[in-house]
Amino acid sequence: MSNILIQMLLIGLVAGVAGGMFGIGGGAIMVPAMVLLVGLDQKFATGTSLAAQVLPIGILGAAVYYRNGNINIKYAVLIAVGLVIGNLFGALFANQPFISSETMKKLYGIFLLLIGLRYLVGR
């Protein structure tokens, strides 16, 4: 197996563990790993991350949380509807000619920084 294929498999594995533990994976793990470690273009990494998540990747992890009474199905369905619509609008915006990969990197960095600060500082 080639080095890039092993790297992608490891990125998926780490993102899967993080997804199972924290409910994150695509944007927070896979995209930065593909950009910073593998050297993919920001937009290419984002598109690849979305394509990897098309299948129901969280189904087994969700089953474990469900068995332990830690899922609100109604909330999950509403979030899923929002995700489908939001993904469409986000992808349409990100793929405009005036949005460069460099701009995407900066916006993404600001997004992660704000979330990290919110977690560290709290209210």
N, C-alpha and C. Protein backbone atom coordinates (compact mmCIF):
# COMPACT_ATOMS: atom_id res chain seq x y z
N MET A 1 0.86 -1.18 0.00
CA MET A 1 0.00 0.00 0.00
C MET A 1 0.90 1.23 0.00
N SER A 2 0.56 2.22 -0.82
CA SER A 2 1.41 3.40 -0.92
C SER A 2 1.32 4.26 0.33
N ASN A 3 2.32 5.13 0.51
CA ASN A 3 2.41 5.99 1.68
C ASN A 3 1.18 6.89 1.82
N ILE A 4 0.69 7.47 0.72
CA ILE A 4 -0.46 8.37 0.78
C ILE A 4 -1.72 7.60 1.20
N LEU A 5 -1.85 6.36 0.74
CA LEU A 5 -3.02 5.57 1.12
C LEU A 5 -2.98 5.22 2.61
N ILE A 6 -1.80 4.92 3.12
CA ILE A 6 -1.65 4.65 4.56
C ILE A 6 -1.96 5.90 5.36
N GLN A 7 -1.47 7.07 4.90
CA GLN A 7 -1.76 8.33 5.58
C GLN A 7 -3.26 8.60 5.63
N MET A 8 -3.94 8.39 4.51
CA MET A 8 -5.39 8.64 4.47
C MET A 8 -6.13 7.67 5.39
N LEU A 9 -5.71 6.43 5.43
CA LEU A 9 -6.33 5.45 6.32
C LEU A 9 -6.13 5.86 7.78
N LEU A 10 -4.93 6.31 8.13
CA LEU A 10 -4.66 6.76 9.50
C LEU A 10 -5.45 8.01 9.85
N ILE A 11 -5.57 8.94 8.91
CA ILE A 11 -6.39 10.13 9.13
C ILE A 11 -7.83 9.72 9.43
N GLY A 12 -8.35 8.78 8.64
CA GLY A 12 -9.71 8.29 8.87
C GLY A 12 -9.85 7.61 10.22
N LEU A 13 -8.84 6.85 10.61
CA LEU A 13 -8.88 6.15 11.89
C LEU A 13 -8.89 7.15 13.05
N VAL A 14 -8.00 8.13 13.01
CA VAL A 14 -7.94 9.14 14.08
C VAL A 14 -9.25 9.94 14.12
N ALA A 15 -9.74 10.32 12.94
CA ALA A 15 -11.01 11.06 12.89
C ALA A 15 -12.16 10.21 13.41
N GLY A 16 -12.13 8.92 13.12
CA GLY A 16 -13.17 8.02 13.61
C GLY A 16 -13.16 7.91 15.12
N VAL A 17 -11.97 7.79 15.70
CA VAL A 17 -11.86 7.73 17.17
C VAL A 17 -12.36 9.04 17.77
N ALA A 18 -11.93 10.18 17.21
CA ALA A 18 -12.38 11.48 17.72
C ALA A 18 -13.88 11.64 17.54
N GLY A 19 -14.40 11.14 16.42
CA GLY A 19 -15.84 11.22 16.19
C GLY A 19 -16.61 10.41 17.21
N GLY A 20 -16.11 9.22 17.51
CA GLY A 20 -16.78 8.38 18.50
C GLY A 20 -16.70 8.95 19.90
N MET A 21 -15.59 9.63 20.21
CA MET A 21 -15.40 10.18 21.55
C MET A 21 -16.07 11.54 21.72
N PHE A 22 -15.92 12.41 20.71
CA PHE A 22 -16.34 13.81 20.87
C PHE A 22 -17.39 14.28 19.88
N GLY A 23 -17.76 13.44 18.92
CA GLY A 23 -18.72 13.86 17.91
C GLY A 23 -18.11 14.75 16.84
N ILE A 24 -16.78 14.71 16.70
CA ILE A 24 -16.10 15.51 15.68
C ILE A 24 -15.35 14.58 14.74
N GLY A 25 -14.81 15.10 13.71
CA GLY A 25 -14.02 14.26 12.81
C GLY A 25 -13.69 14.97 11.52
N GLY A 26 -14.70 15.20 10.69
CA GLY A 26 -14.46 15.76 9.37
C GLY A 26 -13.70 17.06 9.37
N GLY A 27 -14.36 18.10 9.80
CA GLY A 27 -13.74 19.41 9.75
C GLY A 27 -12.62 19.59 10.74
N ALA A 28 -12.76 19.03 11.90
CA ALA A 28 -11.79 19.29 12.96
C ALA A 28 -10.55 18.41 12.89
N ILE A 29 -10.65 17.25 12.27
CA ILE A 29 -9.52 16.32 12.23
C ILE A 29 -9.05 16.08 10.80
N MET A 30 -9.95 15.61 9.96
CA MET A 30 -9.53 15.19 8.61
C MET A 30 -9.01 16.34 7.76
N VAL A 31 -9.70 17.46 7.76
CA VAL A 31 -9.29 18.57 6.89
C VAL A 31 -7.91 19.11 7.28
N PRO A 32 -7.68 19.45 8.57
CA PRO A 32 -6.34 19.93 8.90
C PRO A 32 -5.25 18.89 8.65
N ALA A 33 -5.55 17.62 8.90
CA ALA A 33 -4.55 16.58 8.66
C ALA A 33 -4.22 16.49 7.18
N MET A 34 -5.22 16.55 6.33
CA MET A 34 -4.96 16.47 4.89
C MET A 34 -4.19 17.69 4.38
N VAL A 35 -4.48 18.86 4.95
CA VAL A 35 -3.80 20.09 4.52
C VAL A 35 -2.39 20.17 5.11
N LEU A 36 -2.27 19.99 6.42
CA LEU A 36 -0.99 20.22 7.10
C LEU A 36 -0.03 19.04 7.01
N LEU A 37 -0.55 17.81 7.04
CA LEU A 37 0.34 16.65 7.03
C LEU A 37 0.57 16.07 5.64
N VAL A 38 -0.48 16.07 4.83
CA VAL A 38 -0.38 15.47 3.51
C VAL A 38 -0.08 16.51 2.43
N GLY A 39 -0.47 17.76 2.69
CA GLY A 39 -0.18 18.83 1.73
C GLY A 39 -1.25 19.05 0.69
N LEU A 40 -2.48 18.59 0.96
CA LEU A 40 -3.56 18.82 0.00
C LEU A 40 -4.01 20.28 0.06
N ASP A 41 -4.56 20.75 -1.02
CA ASP A 41 -5.17 22.07 -1.10
C ASP A 41 -6.38 22.11 -0.16
N GLN A 42 -6.65 23.27 0.45
CA GLN A 42 -7.74 23.40 1.42
C GLN A 42 -9.08 22.97 0.84
N LYS A 43 -9.41 23.46 -0.33
CA LYS A 43 -10.71 23.11 -0.94
C LYS A 43 -10.76 21.63 -1.29
N PHE A 44 -9.66 21.09 -1.77
CA PHE A 44 -9.61 19.66 -2.11
C PHE A 44 -9.79 18.82 -0.86
N ALA A 45 -9.14 19.22 0.24
CA ALA A 45 -9.28 18.50 1.51
C ALA A 45 -10.71 18.58 2.03
N THR A 46 -11.33 19.74 1.93
CA THR A 46 -12.71 19.91 2.38
C THR A 46 -13.65 19.03 1.58
N GLY A 47 -13.51 19.05 0.26
CA GLY A 47 -14.34 18.21 -0.59
C GLY A 47 -14.14 16.73 -0.32
N THR A 48 -12.88 16.33 -0.12
CA THR A 48 -12.57 14.93 0.18
C THR A 48 -13.19 14.51 1.51
N SER A 49 -13.12 15.40 2.51
CA SER A 49 -13.71 15.13 3.82
C SER A 49 -15.22 14.93 3.70
N LEU A 50 -15.87 15.81 2.95
CA LEU A 50 -17.32 15.69 2.77
C LEU A 50 -17.67 14.39 2.05
N ALA A 51 -16.90 14.05 1.03
CA ALA A 51 -17.17 12.81 0.29
C ALA A 51 -17.00 11.59 1.20
N ALA A 52 -16.02 11.63 2.09
CA ALA A 52 -15.79 10.51 3.01
C ALA A 52 -16.94 10.35 3.99
N GLN A 53 -17.65 11.44 4.25
CA GLN A 53 -18.72 11.41 5.24
C GLN A 53 -20.10 11.14 4.63
N VAL A 54 -20.17 10.95 3.32
CA VAL A 54 -21.44 10.71 2.67
C VAL A 54 -22.10 9.44 3.20
N LEU A 55 -21.31 8.40 3.36
CA LEU A 55 -21.84 7.16 3.92
C LEU A 55 -22.15 7.37 5.40
N PRO A 56 -23.00 6.56 5.97
CA PRO A 56 -23.36 6.75 7.39
C PRO A 56 -22.22 6.30 8.32
N ILE A 57 -21.15 7.10 8.36
CA ILE A 57 -19.95 6.70 9.10
C ILE A 57 -20.16 6.62 10.60
N GLY A 58 -21.12 7.36 11.10
CA GLY A 58 -21.32 7.36 12.54
C GLY A 58 -22.29 6.32 13.04
N ILE A 59 -22.78 5.45 12.17
CA ILE A 59 -23.86 4.54 12.53
C ILE A 59 -23.50 3.61 13.68
N LEU A 60 -22.29 3.06 13.68
CA LEU A 60 -21.92 2.13 14.75
C LEU A 60 -21.70 2.87 16.07
N GLY A 61 -21.04 4.02 16.01
CA GLY A 61 -20.86 4.81 17.22
C GLY A 61 -22.19 5.29 17.78
N ALA A 62 -23.08 5.73 16.88
CA ALA A 62 -24.40 6.18 17.31
C ALA A 62 -25.18 5.05 17.96
N ALA A 63 -25.01 3.83 17.45
CA ALA A 63 -25.71 2.68 18.03
C ALA A 63 -25.27 2.47 19.47
N VAL A 64 -23.99 2.64 19.75
CA VAL A 64 -23.49 2.50 21.12
C VAL A 64 -24.10 3.57 22.02
N TYR A 65 -24.10 4.83 21.54
CA TYR A 65 -24.69 5.91 22.34
C TYR A 65 -26.19 5.68 22.55
N TYR A 66 -26.88 5.19 21.52
CA TYR A 66 -28.31 4.92 21.62
C TYR A 66 -28.59 3.85 22.67
N ARG A 67 -27.82 2.76 22.63
CA ARG A 67 -28.00 1.67 23.60
C ARG A 67 -27.81 2.15 25.03
N ASN A 68 -27.01 3.20 25.20
CA ASN A 68 -26.75 3.74 26.53
C ASN A 68 -27.64 4.92 26.87
N GLY A 69 -28.65 5.18 26.01
CA GLY A 69 -29.61 6.24 26.29
C GLY A 69 -29.08 7.64 26.11
N ASN A 70 -28.08 7.79 25.26
CA ASN A 70 -27.44 9.10 25.10
C ASN A 70 -27.68 9.74 23.74
N ILE A 71 -28.87 9.55 23.18
CA ILE A 71 -29.23 10.17 21.90
C ILE A 71 -30.65 10.68 21.98
N ASN A 72 -30.86 11.89 21.47
CA ASN A 72 -32.20 12.43 21.28
C ASN A 72 -32.46 12.36 19.78
N ILE A 73 -33.25 11.40 19.35
CA ILE A 73 -33.49 11.15 17.93
C ILE A 73 -34.09 12.38 17.25
N LYS A 74 -35.05 13.04 17.88
CA LYS A 74 -35.68 14.21 17.29
C LYS A 74 -34.63 15.29 17.00
N TYR A 75 -33.77 15.55 17.97
CA TYR A 75 -32.72 16.55 17.77
C TYR A 75 -31.77 16.12 16.65
N ALA A 76 -31.42 14.83 16.62
CA ALA A 76 -30.50 14.32 15.60
C ALA A 76 -31.08 14.50 14.20
N VAL A 77 -32.38 14.23 14.02
CA VAL A 77 -33.02 14.39 12.72
C VAL A 77 -33.04 15.86 12.31
N LEU A 78 -33.38 16.74 13.25
CA LEU A 78 -33.40 18.17 12.93
C LEU A 78 -32.00 18.67 12.56
N ILE A 79 -30.99 18.23 13.29
CA ILE A 79 -29.62 18.61 12.98
C ILE A 79 -29.23 18.07 11.60
N ALA A 80 -29.63 16.84 11.29
CA ALA A 80 -29.29 16.24 9.99
C ALA A 80 -29.90 17.04 8.84
N VAL A 81 -31.14 17.49 9.01
CA VAL A 81 -31.77 18.32 7.98
C VAL A 81 -30.98 19.62 7.81
N GLY A 82 -30.61 20.22 8.93
CA GLY A 82 -29.79 21.43 8.86
C GLY A 82 -28.44 21.18 8.22
N LEU A 83 -27.85 20.03 8.51
CA LEU A 83 -26.56 19.68 7.91
C LEU A 83 -26.65 19.56 6.40
N VAL A 84 -27.70 18.91 5.91
CA VAL A 84 -27.86 18.73 4.47
C VAL A 84 -27.97 20.10 3.78
N ILE A 85 -28.83 20.93 4.31
CA ILE A 85 -29.04 22.26 3.71
C ILE A 85 -27.79 23.13 3.90
N GLY A 86 -27.24 23.11 5.11
CA GLY A 86 -26.06 23.91 5.40
C GLY A 86 -24.85 23.50 4.58
N ASN A 87 -24.67 22.18 4.38
CA ASN A 87 -23.57 21.70 3.55
C ASN A 87 -23.70 22.22 2.13
N LEU A 88 -24.91 22.24 1.59
CA LEU A 88 -25.12 22.75 0.24
C LEU A 88 -24.70 24.22 0.16
N PHE A 89 -25.23 25.05 1.07
CA PHE A 89 -24.90 26.47 1.02
C PHE A 89 -23.43 26.74 1.31
N GLY A 90 -22.86 25.99 2.25
CA GLY A 90 -21.44 26.15 2.55
C GLY A 90 -20.57 25.78 1.36
N ALA A 91 -20.91 24.69 0.68
CA ALA A 91 -20.14 24.26 -0.49
C ALA A 91 -20.29 25.26 -1.64
N LEU A 92 -21.50 25.77 -1.84
CA LEU A 92 -21.71 26.76 -2.89
C LEU A 92 -20.88 28.01 -2.61
N PHE A 93 -20.87 28.47 -1.37
CA PHE A 93 -20.09 29.66 -1.00
C PHE A 93 -18.59 29.40 -1.17
N ALA A 94 -18.10 28.28 -0.61
CA ALA A 94 -16.66 28.00 -0.62
C ALA A 94 -16.11 27.82 -2.03
N ASN A 95 -16.95 27.44 -2.97
CA ASN A 95 -16.47 27.19 -4.32
C ASN A 95 -16.70 28.35 -5.28
N GLN A 96 -16.98 29.53 -4.72
CA GLN A 96 -17.07 30.73 -5.55
C GLN A 96 -15.66 31.11 -6.01
N PRO A 97 -15.53 31.67 -7.19
CA PRO A 97 -14.19 32.02 -7.69
C PRO A 97 -13.46 33.03 -6.81
N PHE A 98 -14.17 33.87 -6.09
CA PHE A 98 -13.53 34.88 -5.25
C PHE A 98 -13.10 34.34 -3.89
N ILE A 99 -13.39 33.09 -3.58
CA ILE A 99 -12.96 32.47 -2.33
C ILE A 99 -11.77 31.56 -2.65
N SER A 100 -10.58 31.99 -2.27
CA SER A 100 -9.38 31.21 -2.54
C SER A 100 -9.15 30.17 -1.43
N SER A 101 -8.29 29.22 -1.72
CA SER A 101 -7.93 28.24 -0.70
C SER A 101 -7.26 28.92 0.49
N GLU A 102 -6.50 29.95 0.24
CA GLU A 102 -5.85 30.70 1.32
C GLU A 102 -6.90 31.37 2.21
N THR A 103 -7.93 31.94 1.61
CA THR A 103 -9.02 32.53 2.39
C THR A 103 -9.72 31.46 3.21
N MET A 104 -9.94 30.28 2.60
CA MET A 104 -10.58 29.17 3.31
C MET A 104 -9.75 28.75 4.52
N LYS A 105 -8.43 28.67 4.36
CA LYS A 105 -7.55 28.31 5.47
C LYS A 105 -7.69 29.30 6.61
N LYS A 106 -7.70 30.58 6.28
CA LYS A 106 -7.80 31.62 7.32
C LYS A 106 -9.16 31.57 8.02
N LEU A 107 -10.23 31.45 7.26
CA LEU A 107 -11.56 31.37 7.86
C LEU A 107 -11.67 30.14 8.76
N TYR A 108 -11.12 29.03 8.30
CA TYR A 108 -11.16 27.80 9.08
C TYR A 108 -10.35 27.94 10.37
N GLY A 109 -9.18 28.56 10.26
CA GLY A 109 -8.35 28.78 11.45
C GLY A 109 -9.06 29.66 12.47
N ILE A 110 -9.72 30.70 12.01
CA ILE A 110 -10.48 31.58 12.91
C ILE A 110 -11.61 30.81 13.57
N PHE A 111 -12.30 29.99 12.79
CA PHE A 111 -13.39 29.18 13.30
C PHE A 111 -12.92 28.26 14.43
N LEU A 112 -11.82 27.53 14.18
CA LEU A 112 -11.30 26.62 15.20
C LEU A 112 -10.80 27.37 16.43
N LEU A 113 -10.16 28.50 16.21
CA LEU A 113 -9.66 29.30 17.32
C LEU A 113 -10.81 29.77 18.22
N LEU A 114 -11.87 30.27 17.60
CA LEU A 114 -13.02 30.74 18.39
C LEU A 114 -13.67 29.61 19.17
N ILE A 115 -13.80 28.45 18.55
CA ILE A 115 -14.38 27.31 19.27
C ILE A 115 -13.46 26.89 20.41
N GLY A 116 -12.16 26.83 20.15
CA GLY A 116 -11.21 26.45 21.19
C GLY A 116 -11.23 27.42 22.36
N LEU A 117 -11.28 28.70 22.06
CA LEU A 117 -11.35 29.71 23.14
C LEU A 117 -12.63 29.56 23.94
N ARG A 118 -13.72 29.32 23.26
CA ARG A 118 -15.01 29.16 23.95
C ARG A 118 -14.96 27.97 24.91
N TYR A 119 -14.34 26.89 24.46
CA TYR A 119 -14.21 25.71 25.33
C TYR A 119 -13.28 26.00 26.51
N LEU A 120 -12.20 26.71 26.25
CA LEU A 120 -11.22 26.96 27.32
C LEU A 120 -11.70 28.00 28.32
N VAL A 121 -12.35 29.05 27.84
CA VAL A 121 -12.76 30.15 28.70
C VAL A 121 -14.14 29.95 29.27
N GLY A 122 -15.00 29.28 28.53
CA GLY A 122 -16.38 29.10 28.97
C GLY A 122 -17.20 30.33 28.68
N ARG A 123 -18.21 30.55 29.48
CA ARG A 123 -19.09 31.70 29.22
C ARG A 123 -18.39 32.95 29.49
